[in-house]
Amino acid sequence: MSRKCELTGKGPMSGHNVSHANNKTKRRFLPNLQDVTLESESLGRSFRLRISNHALRSVDHRGGLDAFLKKAKDEELSADALRIKKEIAKLAAAPAEAAAA
């Protein structure tokens, strides 16, 4: 399992540990990943995702998983998140086509 957020694409960064004597050694800054279950209102299902704490706050801020995925860029999303986004878009397009017909 990669250390990468499924919604934002945030991954490990590199930097230095700096001692009091100003010695620098390489280190990795890992994203704060959490295993969460998010509910999709339009699909009526829940999905388990491994996302960063920052992404979880963004999902809450935007008003849920559906609203977050609608605005998210495809290249940042994981394969699972992209599949969920396409399902939501497909479901949203179906009533619009029925109303137009």
C-alpha atoms as a PDB file:
ATOM      1  CA  MET A   1       0.000   0.000   0.000  1.00  0.00           C
ATOM      2  CA  SER A   2       1.516   3.287  -1.083  1.00  0.00           C
ATOM      3  CA  ARG A   3       1.822   6.252   1.242  1.00  0.00           C
ATOM      4  CA  LYS A   4      -0.250   8.484  -0.995  1.00  0.00           C
ATOM      5  CA  CYS A   5      -3.597  10.175  -0.427  1.00  0.00           C
ATOM      6  CA  GLU A   6      -6.286   8.749  -2.712  1.00  0.00           C
ATOM      7  CA  LEU A   7      -8.102  12.086  -3.110  1.00  0.00           C
ATOM      8  CA  THR A   8      -5.391  14.751  -3.232  1.00  0.00           C
ATOM      9  CA  GLY A   9      -2.370  12.750  -4.431  1.00  0.00           C
ATOM     10  CA  LYS A  10      -0.303  14.049  -1.501  1.00  0.00           C
ATOM     11  CA  GLY A  11       2.765  11.826  -0.929  1.00  0.00           C
ATOM     12  CA  PRO A  12       6.023  11.699   1.033  1.00  0.00           C
ATOM     13  CA  MET A  13       8.383  14.667   0.913  1.00  0.00           C
ATOM     14  CA  SER A  14      12.080  14.729   1.735  1.00  0.00           C
ATOM     15  CA  GLY A  15      14.062  17.101   3.898  1.00  0.00           C
ATOM     16  CA  HIS A  16      16.627  17.248   6.674  1.00  0.00           C
ATOM     17  CA  ASN A  17      16.807  16.600  10.395  1.00  0.00           C
ATOM     18  CA  VAL A  18      18.830  19.509  11.743  1.00  0.00           C
ATOM     19  CA  SER A  19      20.660  18.995  15.020  1.00  0.00           C
ATOM     20  CA  HIS A  20      21.617  21.663  17.544  1.00  0.00           C
ATOM     21  CA  ALA A  21      25.127  21.570  16.012  1.00  0.00           C
ATOM     22  CA  ASN A  22      23.493  22.221  12.606  1.00  0.00           C
ATOM     23  CA  ASN A  23      24.313  18.721  11.278  1.00  0.00           C
ATOM     24  CA  LYS A  24      21.886  17.736   8.547  1.00  0.00           C
ATOM     25  CA  THR A  25      20.715  14.177   7.889  1.00  0.00           C
ATOM     26  CA  LYS A  26      18.149  13.104   5.327  1.00  0.00           C
ATOM     27  CA  ARG A  27      14.593  12.318   6.456  1.00  0.00           C
ATOM     28  CA  ARG A  28      11.129  11.771   4.994  1.00  0.00           C
ATOM     29  CA  PHE A  29       8.017  13.731   5.849  1.00  0.00           C
ATOM     30  CA  LEU A  30       5.084  11.315   5.501  1.00  0.00           C
ATOM     31  CA  PRO A  31       1.499  12.509   4.951  1.00  0.00           C
ATOM     32  CA  ASN A  32      -0.954  12.001   7.811  1.00  0.00           C
ATOM     33  CA  LEU A  33      -2.965   9.177   6.205  1.00  0.00           C
ATOM     34  CA  GLN A  34      -6.131   7.803   7.772  1.00  0.00           C
ATOM     35  CA  ASP A  35      -8.389   4.898   6.791  1.00  0.00           C
ATOM     36  CA  VAL A  36     -11.876   6.397   6.600  1.00  0.00           C
ATOM     37  CA  THR A  37     -15.303   5.404   5.322  1.00  0.00           C
ATOM     38  CA  LEU A  38     -17.019   8.180   3.367  1.00  0.00           C
ATOM     39  CA  GLU A  39     -20.683   8.161   2.349  1.00  0.00           C
ATOM     40  CA  SER A  40     -21.827   9.157  -1.139  1.00  0.00           C
ATOM     41  CA  GLU A  41     -25.278  10.792  -0.968  1.00  0.00           C
ATOM     42  CA  SER A  42     -26.130  10.315  -4.646  1.00  0.00           C
ATOM     43  CA  LEU A  43     -25.018   6.655  -4.821  1.00  0.00           C
ATOM     44  CA  GLY A  44     -26.329   5.770  -1.350  1.00  0.00           C
ATOM     45  CA  ARG A  45     -23.192   3.744  -0.577  1.00  0.00           C
ATOM     46  CA  SER A  46     -20.124   4.133   1.560  1.00  0.00           C
ATOM     47  CA  PHE A  47     -16.522   3.773   0.378  1.00  0.00           C
ATOM     48  CA  ARG A  48     -13.345   2.984   2.308  1.00  0.00           C
ATOM     49  CA  LEU A  49     -10.493   5.284   1.331  1.00  0.00           C
ATOM     50  CA  ARG A  50      -6.988   6.008   2.634  1.00  0.00           C
ATOM     51  CA  ILE A  51      -6.800   9.793   2.662  1.00  0.00           C
ATOM     52  CA  SER A  52      -4.782  12.517   4.361  1.00  0.00           C
ATOM     53  CA  ASN A  53      -6.205  14.471   7.266  1.00  0.00           C
ATOM     54  CA  HIS A  54      -6.048  17.592   5.069  1.00  0.00           C
ATOM     55  CA  ALA A  55      -8.226  15.887   2.444  1.00  0.00           C
ATOM     56  CA  LEU A  56     -10.732  14.820   5.098  1.00  0.00           C
ATOM     57  CA  ARG A  57     -11.083  18.448   6.210  1.00  0.00           C
ATOM     58  CA  SER A  58     -11.492  19.508   2.556  1.00  0.00           C
ATOM     59  CA  VAL A  59     -14.254  16.923   2.015  1.00  0.00           C
ATOM     60  CA  ASP A  60     -16.116  18.290   5.047  1.00  0.00           C
ATOM     61  CA  HIS A  61     -15.590  21.876   3.890  1.00  0.00           C
ATOM     62  CA  ARG A  62     -16.949  21.240   0.395  1.00  0.00           C
ATOM     63  CA  GLY A  63     -20.036  19.456   1.713  1.00  0.00           C
ATOM     64  CA  GLY A  64     -19.323  15.765   1.248  1.00  0.00           C
ATOM     65  CA  LEU A  65     -17.623  13.249  -0.993  1.00  0.00           C
ATOM     66  CA  ASP A  66     -19.809  13.960  -4.040  1.00  0.00           C
ATOM     67  CA  ALA A  67     -19.076  17.703  -4.020  1.00  0.00           C
ATOM     68  CA  PHE A  68     -15.357  17.106  -3.440  1.00  0.00           C
ATOM     69  CA  LEU A  69     -15.033  14.637  -6.334  1.00  0.00           C
ATOM     70  CA  LYS A  70     -17.004  16.913  -8.678  1.00  0.00           C
ATOM     71  CA  LYS A  71     -14.303  19.616  -8.311  1.00  0.00           C
ATOM     72  CA  ALA A  72     -11.262  17.293  -8.016  1.00  0.00           C
ATOM     73  CA  LYS A  73      -8.753  16.959 -10.859  1.00  0.00           C
ATOM     74  CA  ASP A  74      -8.643  13.495 -12.449  1.00  0.00           C
ATOM     75  CA  GLU A  75      -4.834  13.251 -12.402  1.00  0.00           C
ATOM     76  CA  GLU A  76      -4.728  13.660  -8.584  1.00  0.00           C
ATOM     77  CA  LEU A  77      -7.262  10.907  -7.863  1.00  0.00           C
ATOM     78  CA  SER A  78      -6.440   7.235  -7.369  1.00  0.00           C
ATOM     79  CA  ALA A  79      -8.026   4.595  -9.600  1.00  0.00           C
ATOM     80  CA  ASP A  80     -10.703   3.814  -6.982  1.00  0.00           C
ATOM     81  CA  ALA A  81     -11.565   7.477  -6.434  1.00  0.00           C
ATOM     82  CA  LEU A  82     -11.729   8.066 -10.198  1.00  0.00           C
ATOM     83  CA  ARG A  83     -14.132   5.129 -10.546  1.00  0.00           C
ATOM     84  CA  ILE A  84     -16.371   6.624  -7.820  1.00  0.00           C
ATOM     85  CA  LYS A  85     -16.253  10.039  -9.529  1.00  0.00           C
ATOM     86  CA  LYS A  86     -17.341   8.534 -12.855  1.00  0.00           C
ATOM     87  CA  GLU A  87     -20.212   6.642 -11.183  1.00  0.00           C
ATOM     88  CA  ILE A  88     -21.453   9.876  -9.577  1.00  0.00           C
ATOM     89  CA  ALA A  89     -21.182  11.789 -12.887  1.00  0.00           C
ATOM     90  CA  LYS A  90     -23.012   8.998 -14.731  1.00  0.00           C
ATOM     91  CA  LEU A  91     -25.834   9.024 -12.192  1.00  0.00           C
ATOM     92  CA  ALA A  92     -26.093  12.833 -12.345  1.00  0.00           C
ATOM     93  CA  ALA A  93     -26.260  12.759 -16.163  1.00  0.00           C
ATOM     94  CA  ALA A  94     -29.039  10.120 -16.283  1.00  0.00           C
ATOM     95  CA  PRO A  95     -31.869  12.278 -14.785  1.00  0.00           C
ATOM     96  CA  ALA A  96     -30.839  15.230 -16.964  1.00  0.00           C
ATOM     97  CA  GLU A  97     -31.203  13.076 -20.095  1.00  0.00           C
ATOM     98  CA  ALA A  98     -34.586  11.760 -18.928  1.00  0.00           C
ATOM     99  CA  ALA A  99     -35.851  15.318 -18.321  1.00  0.00           C
ATOM    100  CA  ALA A 100     -34.677  16.456 -21.764  1.00  0.00           C
ATOM    101  CA  ALA A 101     -36.433  13.573 -23.549  1.00  0.00           C
END
